Amino acid sequence: MHEQATAALETGFAPVNGLQMYYELYGDGGTPLLLLHGGLFDIQQQFGALIPGLSEGRRVIATDFQGHGRTNDIDRPLSTADLASDVIGLLEHLGVREADVFGFSVGGAVALHLAIKRPDLVRKLIVSSVSFRPDGDRGGNAEAVASMTVDMIAGTPMEERYLAVSPHPDREHLQGLLDKLGGYDAGSSGWSDDEVRGIAAPTLITVGDCDMVKLEHAVRFLQLRGGDVNGDFEGVPASQLAVFPGTTHFFGLARTALVQDVVTTFLDAPPPGAWKDQ
């Protein structure tokens, strides 16, 4: 949630599903890392402080979702399935056939959708501050977003950023975005245990210790991904859980050095079982 300290190697707009989907490219090498921000945020607000470290030795692809940042809005509700379709179109536009995917909140929901529905696209999965079913949330956040108005966020970095970079920088369109976020995935039942268990990609789950996601839900998520074992005897699982201390949902990635270490260590880890062959 800071301004970027590293200049993008390339920026552009991909024509996807009626959108002009804005993207930025950083770094070079390895499997590309795709960054997917949360609701009301954009590339810079969500990942700006992390991009310099994440892009050392790897290609990073960052994008703004529908109606966020520099990407235009269209006459379509916001839903995980549609945003995932947009991301698939962006990857096709860039010629990327496989990526590591790091999503926060709404972006985490999209990343999870991709891992379940398009496993061919996802090598490693990082899902931050998002539940795989609504009963994993503490409650209150959805209700707060549903009643949010532009007056309630007046003077905040989110409003200032929206008015500064949006292709339609006015309060009416911002209210429209808030309304769409208030109805995001309304009525969705989420994913079944079997669907989460069946994800092929090694998964890193991150959550704040005072996040909107219940800690017991995050542990259940880990268990479904093959974690919560005695690693000294059974080996360290490919999927992991990180709980960031003193961390709320809104500030879920604010501890930059801690988040960067956790994420890059996970991304750089060898495939499961590789150490046994050494």
C-alpha atoms as a PDB file:
ATOM      1  CA  MET A   1       0.000   0.000   0.000  1.00  0.00           C
ATOM      2  CA  HIS A   2       2.792   2.346  -0.996  1.00  0.00           C
ATOM      3  CA  GLU A   3       3.977   3.987  -4.200  1.00  0.00           C
ATOM      4  CA  GLN A   4       6.260   1.849  -6.315  1.00  0.00           C
ATOM      5  CA  ALA A   5       9.994   2.464  -6.038  1.00  0.00           C
ATOM      6  CA  THR A   6      10.777   0.539  -9.216  1.00  0.00           C
ATOM      7  CA  ALA A   7       9.867   1.686 -12.724  1.00  0.00           C
ATOM      8  CA  ALA A   8       7.968  -0.795 -14.875  1.00  0.00           C
ATOM      9  CA  LEU A   9       9.843  -2.221 -17.842  1.00  0.00           C
ATOM     10  CA  GLU A  10       6.614  -2.124 -19.835  1.00  0.00           C
ATOM     11  CA  THR A  11       3.072  -0.880 -19.351  1.00  0.00           C
ATOM     12  CA  GLY A  12       0.087  -1.387 -21.594  1.00  0.00           C
ATOM     13  CA  PHE A  13      -3.578  -2.128 -22.069  1.00  0.00           C
ATOM     14  CA  ALA A  14      -4.910  -5.511 -23.168  1.00  0.00           C
ATOM     15  CA  PRO A  15      -8.283  -5.624 -24.967  1.00  0.00           C
ATOM     16  CA  VAL A  16     -10.123  -8.240 -22.885  1.00  0.00           C
ATOM     17  CA  ASN A  17     -13.886  -8.853 -22.569  1.00  0.00           C
ATOM     18  CA  GLY A  18     -14.731  -5.252 -23.441  1.00  0.00           C
ATOM     19  CA  LEU A  19     -12.091  -3.886 -21.088  1.00  0.00           C
ATOM     20  CA  GLN A  20      -8.862  -2.075 -21.737  1.00  0.00           C
ATOM     21  CA  MET A  21      -7.086  -4.014 -19.002  1.00  0.00           C
ATOM     22  CA  TYR A  22      -4.048  -2.182 -17.670  1.00  0.00           C
ATOM     23  CA  TYR A  23      -0.898  -4.107 -16.850  1.00  0.00           C
ATOM     24  CA  GLU A  24       2.704  -3.506 -15.819  1.00  0.00           C
ATOM     25  CA  LEU A  25       5.721  -5.764 -16.343  1.00  0.00           C
ATOM     26  CA  TYR A  26       8.811  -5.895 -14.126  1.00  0.00           C
ATOM     27  CA  GLY A  27      11.981  -7.945 -13.882  1.00  0.00           C
ATOM     28  CA  ASP A  28      13.100 -10.944 -15.890  1.00  0.00           C
ATOM     29  CA  GLY A  29      13.728 -14.636 -15.475  1.00  0.00           C
ATOM     30  CA  GLY A  30      12.024 -17.713 -14.105  1.00  0.00           C
ATOM     31  CA  THR A  31       8.320 -18.447 -14.005  1.00  0.00           C
ATOM     32  CA  PRO A  32       6.321 -15.193 -14.243  1.00  0.00           C
ATOM     33  CA  LEU A  33       4.633 -14.026 -11.031  1.00  0.00           C
ATOM     34  CA  LEU A  34       1.143 -12.593 -11.517  1.00  0.00           C
ATOM     35  CA  LEU A  35      -0.061 -10.097  -8.891  1.00  0.00           C
ATOM     36  CA  LEU A  36      -3.810  -9.662  -8.287  1.00  0.00           C
ATOM     37  CA  HIS A  37      -4.912  -6.851  -5.949  1.00  0.00           C
ATOM     38  CA  GLY A  38      -7.900  -6.548  -3.635  1.00  0.00           C
ATOM     39  CA  GLY A  39     -11.092  -4.537  -3.963  1.00  0.00           C
ATOM     40  CA  LEU A  40     -10.738  -0.721  -4.030  1.00  0.00           C
ATOM     41  CA  PHE A  41      -6.981  -1.088  -4.447  1.00  0.00           C
ATOM     42  CA  ASP A  42      -4.778  -1.239  -7.535  1.00  0.00           C
ATOM     43  CA  ILE A  43      -1.255  -2.315  -8.468  1.00  0.00           C
ATOM     44  CA  GLN A  44       0.537   0.482  -6.661  1.00  0.00           C
ATOM     45  CA  GLN A  45      -1.594   0.601  -3.538  1.00  0.00           C
ATOM     46  CA  GLN A  46      -1.502  -3.159  -2.969  1.00  0.00           C
ATOM     47  CA  PHE A  47       1.889  -4.291  -4.214  1.00  0.00           C
ATOM     48  CA  GLY A  48       3.994  -1.161  -4.762  1.00  0.00           C
ATOM     49  CA  ALA A  49       6.303  -1.744  -1.802  1.00  0.00           C
ATOM     50  CA  LEU A  50       6.698  -5.453  -2.651  1.00  0.00           C
ATOM     51  CA  ILE A  51       7.420  -5.215  -6.376  1.00  0.00           C
ATOM     52  CA  PRO A  52      11.119  -4.233  -6.116  1.00  0.00           C
ATOM     53  CA  GLY A  53      11.925  -7.338  -4.076  1.00  0.00           C
ATOM     54  CA  LEU A  54       9.551  -9.685  -5.874  1.00  0.00           C
ATOM     55  CA  SER A  55      10.948  -8.724  -9.289  1.00  0.00           C
ATOM     56  CA  GLU A  56      14.576  -9.484  -8.418  1.00  0.00           C
ATOM     57  CA  GLY A  57      15.420 -12.407 -10.666  1.00  0.00           C
ATOM     58  CA  ARG A  58      11.873 -13.019 -11.855  1.00  0.00           C
ATOM     59  CA  ARG A  59       9.358 -11.539 -14.248  1.00  0.00           C
ATOM     60  CA  VAL A  60       6.413  -9.887 -12.511  1.00  0.00           C
ATOM     61  CA  ILE A  61       3.066  -9.173 -14.162  1.00  0.00           C
ATOM     62  CA  ALA A  62       0.727  -6.825 -12.306  1.00  0.00           C
ATOM     63  CA  THR A  63      -2.724  -5.791 -13.439  1.00  0.00           C
ATOM     64  CA  ASP A  64      -5.670  -3.601 -12.464  1.00  0.00           C
ATOM     65  CA  PHE A  65      -9.067  -5.322 -12.303  1.00  0.00           C
ATOM     66  CA  GLN A  66     -12.252  -4.035 -13.938  1.00  0.00           C
ATOM     67  CA  GLY A  67     -13.068  -0.545 -12.671  1.00  0.00           C
ATOM     68  CA  HIS A  68      -9.889  -0.339 -10.594  1.00  0.00           C
ATOM     69  CA  GLY A  69      -6.760   1.694 -11.183  1.00  0.00           C
ATOM     70  CA  ARG A  70      -6.256   2.461 -14.854  1.00  0.00           C
ATOM     71  CA  THR A  71      -8.641  -0.233 -16.141  1.00  0.00           C
ATOM     72  CA  ASN A  72     -12.027   1.003 -17.320  1.00  0.00           C
ATOM     73  CA  ASP A  73     -15.360  -0.198 -15.983  1.00  0.00           C
ATOM     74  CA  ILE A  74     -18.068  -1.800 -18.107  1.00  0.00           C
ATOM     75  CA  ASP A  75     -21.740  -2.660 -17.639  1.00  0.00           C
ATOM     76  CA  ARG A  76     -21.042  -5.904 -15.802  1.00  0.00           C
ATOM     77  CA  PRO A  77     -21.190  -6.840 -12.114  1.00  0.00           C
ATOM     78  CA  LEU A  78     -17.982  -7.724 -10.342  1.00  0.00           C
ATOM     79  CA  SER A  79     -17.610 -11.459  -9.841  1.00  0.00           C
ATOM     80  CA  THR A  80     -14.755 -13.861  -9.307  1.00  0.00           C
ATOM     81  CA  ALA A  81     -15.577 -15.819 -12.465  1.00  0.00           C
ATOM     82  CA  ASP A  82     -15.602 -12.717 -14.679  1.00  0.00           C
ATOM     83  CA  LEU A  83     -12.412 -11.285 -13.204  1.00  0.00           C
ATOM     84  CA  ALA A  84     -10.743 -14.670 -13.671  1.00  0.00           C
ATOM     85  CA  SER A  85     -11.862 -14.655 -17.312  1.00  0.00           C
ATOM     86  CA  ASP A  86     -10.255 -11.232 -17.685  1.00  0.00           C
ATOM     87  CA  VAL A  87      -6.999 -12.509 -16.220  1.00  0.00           C
ATOM     88  CA  ILE A  88      -6.987 -15.492 -18.568  1.00  0.00           C
ATOM     89  CA  GLY A  89      -7.440 -13.092 -21.479  1.00  0.00           C
ATOM     90  CA  LEU A  90      -4.555 -10.942 -20.238  1.00  0.00           C
ATOM     91  CA  LEU A  91      -2.229 -13.936 -19.969  1.00  0.00           C
ATOM     92  CA  GLU A  92      -3.176 -14.966 -23.508  1.00  0.00           C
ATOM     93  CA  HIS A  93      -2.502 -11.409 -24.694  1.00  0.00           C
ATOM     94  CA  LEU A  94       0.958 -11.537 -23.109  1.00  0.00           C
ATOM     95  CA  GLY A  95       1.689 -15.041 -24.370  1.00  0.00           C
ATOM     96  CA  VAL A  96       2.051 -16.463 -20.855  1.00  0.00           C
ATOM     97  CA  ARG A  97       1.135 -20.133 -20.598  1.00  0.00           C
ATOM     98  CA  GLU A  98       1.962 -20.694 -16.919  1.00  0.00           C
ATOM     99  CA  ALA A  99       2.528 -18.410 -13.951  1.00  0.00           C
ATOM    100  CA  ASP A 100       2.848 -18.287 -10.206  1.00  0.00           C
ATOM    101  CA  VAL A 101      -0.226 -16.394  -8.955  1.00  0.00           C
ATOM    102  CA  PHE A 102      -0.308 -14.141  -5.877  1.00  0.00           C
ATOM    103  CA  GLY A 103      -3.721 -12.708  -5.042  1.00  0.00           C
ATOM    104  CA  PHE A 104      -4.954 -10.681  -2.081  1.00  0.00           C
ATOM    105  CA  SER A 105      -8.616 -10.614  -0.938  1.00  0.00           C
ATOM    106  CA  VAL A 106     -10.645 -10.270  -4.166  1.00  0.00           C
ATOM    107  CA  GLY A 107      -7.420 -11.082  -6.009  1.00  0.00           C
ATOM    108  CA  GLY A 108      -7.017 -14.141  -3.797  1.00  0.00           C
ATOM    109  CA  ALA A 109     -10.499 -15.314  -4.737  1.00  0.00           C
ATOM    110  CA  VAL A 110      -9.574 -14.931  -8.411  1.00  0.00           C
ATOM    111  CA  ALA A 111      -6.289 -16.765  -7.904  1.00  0.00           C
ATOM    112  CA  LEU A 112      -8.114 -19.627  -6.187  1.00  0.00           C
ATOM    113  CA  HIS A 113     -10.640 -19.781  -9.047  1.00  0.00           C
ATOM    114  CA  LEU A 114      -7.782 -20.031 -11.568  1.00  0.00           C
ATOM    115  CA  ALA A 115      -6.086 -22.825  -9.613  1.00  0.00           C
ATOM    116  CA  ILE A 116      -9.299 -24.847  -9.499  1.00  0.00           C
ATOM    117  CA  LYS A 117     -10.705 -24.147 -12.963  1.00  0.00           C
ATOM    118  CA  ARG A 118      -7.499 -23.594 -14.974  1.00  0.00           C
ATOM    119  CA  PRO A 119      -4.809 -25.620 -13.222  1.00  0.00           C
ATOM    120  CA  ASP A 120      -2.709 -25.591 -16.393  1.00  0.00           C
ATOM    121  CA  LEU A 121      -2.072 -21.874 -15.865  1.00  0.00           C
ATOM    122  CA  VAL A 122      -0.944 -21.996 -12.233  1.00  0.00           C
ATOM    123  CA  ARG A 123       2.423 -23.400 -11.119  1.00  0.00           C
ATOM    124  CA  LYS A 124       2.345 -22.105  -7.515  1.00  0.00           C
ATOM    125  CA  LEU A 125      -0.548 -20.410  -5.748  1.00  0.00           C
ATOM    126  CA  ILE A 126      -0.485 -17.702  -3.065  1.00  0.00           C
ATOM    127  CA  VAL A 127      -3.858 -16.767  -1.596  1.00  0.00           C
ATOM    128  CA  SER A 128      -3.883 -13.982   0.967  1.00  0.00           C
ATOM    129  CA  SER A 129      -6.672 -12.886   3.309  1.00  0.00           C
ATOM    130  CA  VAL A 130      -9.477 -14.763   1.576  1.00  0.00           C
ATOM    131  CA  SER A 131     -11.720 -17.656   2.562  1.00  0.00           C
ATOM    132  CA  PHE A 132     -12.647 -20.520   0.256  1.00  0.00           C
ATOM    133  CA  ARG A 133     -16.222 -20.485   1.620  1.00  0.00           C
ATOM    134  CA  PRO A 134     -18.291 -17.648   3.119  1.00  0.00           C
ATOM    135  CA  ASP A 135     -18.470 -19.395   6.500  1.00  0.00           C
ATOM    136  CA  GLY A 136     -14.739 -18.795   6.824  1.00  0.00           C
ATOM    137  CA  ASP A 137     -15.270 -15.046   7.265  1.00  0.00           C
ATOM    138  CA  ARG A 138     -15.759 -13.394  10.643  1.00  0.00           C
ATOM    139  CA  GLY A 139     -18.577 -11.228   9.306  1.00  0.00           C
ATOM    140  CA  GLY A 140     -18.974  -7.506   9.129  1.00  0.00           C
ATOM    141  CA  ASN A 141     -16.764  -6.771   6.143  1.00  0.00           C
ATOM    142  CA  ALA A 142     -19.322  -7.606   3.467  1.00  0.00           C
ATOM    143  CA  GLU A 143     -21.983  -5.598   5.285  1.00  0.00           C
ATOM    144  CA  ALA A 144     -19.631  -2.636   5.641  1.00  0.00           C
ATOM    145  CA  VAL A 145     -18.716  -2.665   1.959  1.00  0.00           C
ATOM    146  CA  ALA A 146     -22.373  -3.010   0.922  1.00  0.00           C
ATOM    147  CA  SER A 147     -23.237   0.229   2.717  1.00  0.00           C
ATOM    148  CA  MET A 148     -20.144   2.174   1.683  1.00  0.00           C
ATOM    149  CA  THR A 149     -20.493   5.562   0.011  1.00  0.00           C
ATOM    150  CA  VAL A 150     -17.979   7.917  -1.562  1.00  0.00           C
ATOM    151  CA  ASP A 151     -18.467  10.295   1.358  1.00  0.00           C
ATOM    152  CA  MET A 152     -17.267   7.579   3.711  1.00  0.00           C
ATOM    153  CA  ILE A 153     -13.940   7.257   1.884  1.00  0.00           C
ATOM    154  CA  ALA A 154     -13.512  10.955   1.067  1.00  0.00           C
ATOM    155  CA  GLY A 155      -9.903  12.031   1.528  1.00  0.00           C
ATOM    156  CA  THR A 156      -8.571   8.472   1.796  1.00  0.00           C
ATOM    157  CA  PRO A 157      -5.722   7.146  -0.381  1.00  0.00           C
ATOM    158  CA  MET A 158      -8.257   4.954  -2.223  1.00  0.00           C
ATOM    159  CA  GLU A 159     -10.353   7.945  -3.282  1.00  0.00           C
ATOM    160  CA  GLU A 160      -7.310  10.042  -4.152  1.00  0.00           C
ATOM    161  CA  ARG A 161      -5.785   7.257  -6.230  1.00  0.00           C
ATOM    162  CA  TYR A 162      -9.050   6.532  -8.033  1.00  0.00           C
ATOM    163  CA  LEU A 163      -9.559  10.165  -8.996  1.00  0.00           C
ATOM    164  CA  ALA A 164      -5.910  10.455 -10.062  1.00  0.00           C
ATOM    165  CA  VAL A 165      -5.616   7.489 -12.446  1.00  0.00           C
ATOM    166  CA  SER A 166      -9.067   6.149 -13.336  1.00  0.00           C
ATOM    167  CA  PRO A 167     -10.190   6.578 -16.960  1.00  0.00           C
ATOM    168  CA  HIS A 168     -13.468   7.922 -15.512  1.00  0.00           C
ATOM    169  CA  PRO A 169     -12.279   9.926 -12.494  1.00  0.00           C
ATOM    170  CA  ASP A 170     -15.494  11.141 -10.910  1.00  0.00           C
ATOM    171  CA  ARG A 171     -17.417  10.382  -7.753  1.00  0.00           C
ATOM    172  CA  GLU A 172     -20.386   8.910  -9.618  1.00  0.00           C
ATOM    173  CA  HIS A 173     -18.249   6.174 -11.168  1.00  0.00           C
ATOM    174  CA  LEU A 174     -16.483   5.619  -7.856  1.00  0.00           C
ATOM    175  CA  GLN A 175     -19.857   5.095  -6.186  1.00  0.00           C
ATOM    176  CA  GLY A 176     -20.712   2.636  -8.933  1.00  0.00           C
ATOM    177  CA  LEU A 177     -17.556   0.692  -8.124  1.00  0.00           C
ATOM    178  CA  LEU A 178     -18.437   0.682  -4.428  1.00  0.00           C
ATOM    179  CA  ASP A 179     -21.909  -0.610  -5.256  1.00  0.00           C
ATOM    180  CA  LYS A 180     -20.471  -3.402  -7.381  1.00  0.00           C
ATOM    181  CA  LEU A 181     -18.051  -4.385  -4.633  1.00  0.00           C
ATOM    182  CA  GLY A 182     -20.978  -4.412  -2.203  1.00  0.00           C
ATOM    183  CA  GLY A 183     -22.659  -7.076  -4.334  1.00  0.00           C
ATOM    184  CA  TYR A 184     -19.478  -9.010  -5.105  1.00  0.00           C
ATOM    185  CA  ASP A 185     -20.214 -12.738  -5.553  1.00  0.00           C
ATOM    186  CA  ALA A 186     -23.503 -12.376  -3.683  1.00  0.00           C
ATOM    187  CA  GLY A 187     -25.047 -15.761  -2.981  1.00  0.00           C
ATOM    188  CA  SER A 188     -21.897 -17.718  -3.795  1.00  0.00           C
ATOM    189  CA  SER A 189     -21.412 -20.918  -1.792  1.00  0.00           C
ATOM    190  CA  GLY A 190     -17.670 -20.966  -2.381  1.00  0.00           C
ATOM    191  CA  TRP A 191     -15.647 -24.116  -3.006  1.00  0.00           C
ATOM    192  CA  SER A 192     -16.134 -27.619  -1.638  1.00  0.00           C
ATOM    193  CA  ASP A 193     -13.518 -29.419   0.432  1.00  0.00           C
ATOM    194  CA  ASP A 194     -12.881 -31.760  -2.488  1.00  0.00           C
ATOM    195  CA  GLU A 195     -12.315 -28.872  -4.895  1.00  0.00           C
ATOM    196  CA  VAL A 196      -9.779 -27.266  -2.563  1.00  0.00           C
ATOM    197  CA  ARG A 197      -8.168 -30.628  -1.827  1.00  0.00           C
ATOM    198  CA  GLY A 198      -7.833 -31.287  -5.550  1.00  0.00           C
ATOM    199  CA  ILE A 199      -5.804 -28.158  -6.390  1.00  0.00           C
ATOM    200  CA  ALA A 200      -2.622 -29.237  -8.156  1.00  0.00           C
ATOM    201  CA  ALA A 201      -0.500 -26.180  -7.360  1.00  0.00           C
ATOM    202  CA  PRO A 202       1.512 -25.989  -4.118  1.00  0.00           C
ATOM    203  CA  THR A 203      -0.298 -23.346  -2.077  1.00  0.00           C
ATOM    204  CA  LEU A 204       0.827 -20.635   0.321  1.00  0.00           C
ATOM    205  CA  ILE A 205      -2.014 -19.297   2.470  1.00  0.00           C
ATOM    206  CA  THR A 206      -1.437 -16.007   4.286  1.00  0.00           C
ATOM    207  CA  VAL A 207      -3.728 -14.317   6.778  1.00  0.00           C
ATOM    208  CA  GLY A 208      -3.487 -11.617   9.415  1.00  0.00           C
ATOM    209  CA  ASP A 209      -3.982 -12.695  13.011  1.00  0.00           C
ATOM    210  CA  CYS A 210      -6.862 -10.181  13.229  1.00  0.00           C
ATOM    211  CA  ASP A 211      -8.026 -10.496   9.629  1.00  0.00           C
ATOM    212  CA  MET A 212     -11.558 -10.927   8.302  1.00  0.00           C
ATOM    213  CA  VAL A 213     -10.755 -14.623   7.752  1.00  0.00           C
ATOM    214  CA  LYS A 214     -11.102 -16.851  10.805  1.00  0.00           C
ATOM    215  CA  LEU A 215      -7.846 -18.473  11.854  1.00  0.00           C
ATOM    216  CA  GLU A 216      -9.497 -21.881  12.177  1.00  0.00           C
ATOM    217  CA  HIS A 217     -10.636 -21.523   8.553  1.00  0.00           C
ATOM    218  CA  ALA A 218      -7.084 -20.778   7.441  1.00  0.00           C
ATOM    219  CA  VAL A 219      -5.926 -23.913   9.273  1.00  0.00           C
ATOM    220  CA  ARG A 220      -8.679 -25.945   7.592  1.00  0.00           C
ATOM    221  CA  PHE A 221      -7.535 -24.511   4.253  1.00  0.00           C
ATOM    222  CA  LEU A 222      -4.005 -25.710   5.043  1.00  0.00           C
ATOM    223  CA  GLN A 223      -5.231 -29.166   6.075  1.00  0.00           C
ATOM    224  CA  LEU A 224      -7.117 -29.562   2.801  1.00  0.00           C
ATOM    225  CA  ARG A 225      -3.896 -28.676   0.984  1.00  0.00           C
ATOM    226  CA  GLY A 226      -1.967 -31.425   2.775  1.00  0.00           C
ATOM    227  CA  GLY A 227      -0.514 -29.353   5.615  1.00  0.00           C
ATOM    228  CA  ASP A 228      -0.766 -29.396   9.429  1.00  0.00           C
ATOM    229  CA  VAL A 229       1.510 -32.419   9.838  1.00  0.00           C
ATOM    230  CA  ASN A 230       4.592 -33.294  11.882  1.00  0.00           C
ATOM    231  CA  GLY A 231       7.122 -32.214   9.276  1.00  0.00           C
ATOM    232  CA  ASP A 232      10.119 -33.640  11.158  1.00  0.00           C
ATOM    233  CA  PHE A 233       8.801 -37.128  10.457  1.00  0.00           C
ATOM    234  CA  GLU A 234       6.531 -36.699   7.435  1.00  0.00           C
ATOM    235  CA  GLY A 235       8.474 -34.005   5.580  1.00  0.00           C
ATOM    236  CA  VAL A 236       7.529 -30.379   5.023  1.00  0.00           C
ATOM    237  CA  PRO A 237       4.393 -30.223   2.855  1.00  0.00           C
ATOM    238  CA  ALA A 238       4.350 -28.349  -0.433  1.00  0.00           C
ATOM    239  CA  SER A 239       1.556 -26.133   0.906  1.00  0.00           C
ATOM    240  CA  GLN A 240       2.107 -23.759   3.802  1.00  0.00           C
ATOM    241  CA  LEU A 241       0.388 -21.238   6.073  1.00  0.00           C
ATOM    242  CA  ALA A 242       1.740 -17.872   7.251  1.00  0.00           C
ATOM    243  CA  VAL A 243      -0.066 -15.866   9.937  1.00  0.00           C
ATOM    244  CA  PHE A 244       1.155 -12.273  10.068  1.00  0.00           C
ATOM    245  CA  PRO A 245       1.061 -10.837  13.602  1.00  0.00           C
ATOM    246  CA  GLY A 246      -0.737  -7.618  14.445  1.00  0.00           C
ATOM    247  CA  THR A 247      -2.260  -7.596  10.971  1.00  0.00           C
ATOM    248  CA  THR A 248      -5.786  -6.676   9.898  1.00  0.00           C
ATOM    249  CA  HIS A 249      -7.448  -7.299   6.552  1.00  0.00           C
ATOM    250  CA  PHE A 250      -6.950  -3.761   5.289  1.00  0.00           C
ATOM    251  CA  PHE A 251      -3.234  -3.880   6.125  1.00  0.00           C
ATOM    252  CA  GLY A 252      -2.761  -7.521   5.161  1.00  0.00           C
ATOM    253  CA  LEU A 253       0.439  -6.972   3.136  1.00  0.00           C
ATOM    254  CA  ALA A 254       1.748  -3.920   4.987  1.00  0.00           C
ATOM    255  CA  ARG A 255       4.676  -5.699   6.688  1.00  0.00           C
ATOM    256  CA  THR A 256       6.728  -5.609   3.518  1.00  0.00           C
ATOM    257  CA  ALA A 257       9.928  -7.355   4.636  1.00  0.00           C
ATOM    258  CA  LEU A 258       8.013 -10.174   6.326  1.00  0.00           C
ATOM    259  CA  VAL A 259       5.637 -10.695   3.392  1.00  0.00           C
ATOM    260  CA  GLN A 260       8.467 -10.597   0.849  1.00  0.00           C
ATOM    261  CA  ASP A 261      10.533 -13.167   2.750  1.00  0.00           C
ATOM    262  CA  VAL A 262       7.585 -15.537   3.153  1.00  0.00           C
ATOM    263  CA  VAL A 263       6.490 -15.226  -0.483  1.00  0.00           C
ATOM    264  CA  THR A 264       9.891 -15.434  -2.172  1.00  0.00           C
ATOM    265  CA  THR A 265      10.992 -18.356   0.018  1.00  0.00           C
ATOM    266  CA  PHE A 266       7.849 -20.241  -1.027  1.00  0.00           C
ATOM    267  CA  LEU A 267       8.273 -19.380  -4.705  1.00  0.00           C
ATOM    268  CA  ASP A 268      11.960 -20.319  -4.757  1.00  0.00           C
ATOM    269  CA  ALA A 269      11.529 -23.621  -2.892  1.00  0.00           C
ATOM    270  CA  PRO A 270      12.351 -26.769  -4.905  1.00  0.00           C
ATOM    271  CA  PRO A 271       9.563 -29.163  -5.823  1.00  0.00           C
ATOM    272  CA  PRO A 272       8.325 -31.438  -3.023  1.00  0.00           C
ATOM    273  CA  GLY A 273      10.710 -34.303  -2.370  1.00  0.00           C
ATOM    274  CA  ALA A 274      13.590 -32.757  -4.313  1.00  0.00           C
ATOM    275  CA  TRP A 275      15.773 -32.569  -1.177  1.00  0.00           C
ATOM    276  CA  LYS A 276      15.501 -36.348  -0.733  1.00  0.00           C
ATOM    277  CA  ASP A 277      17.348 -36.862  -4.013  1.00  0.00           C
ATOM    278  CA  GLN A 278      20.323 -34.708  -3.012  1.00  0.00           C
END
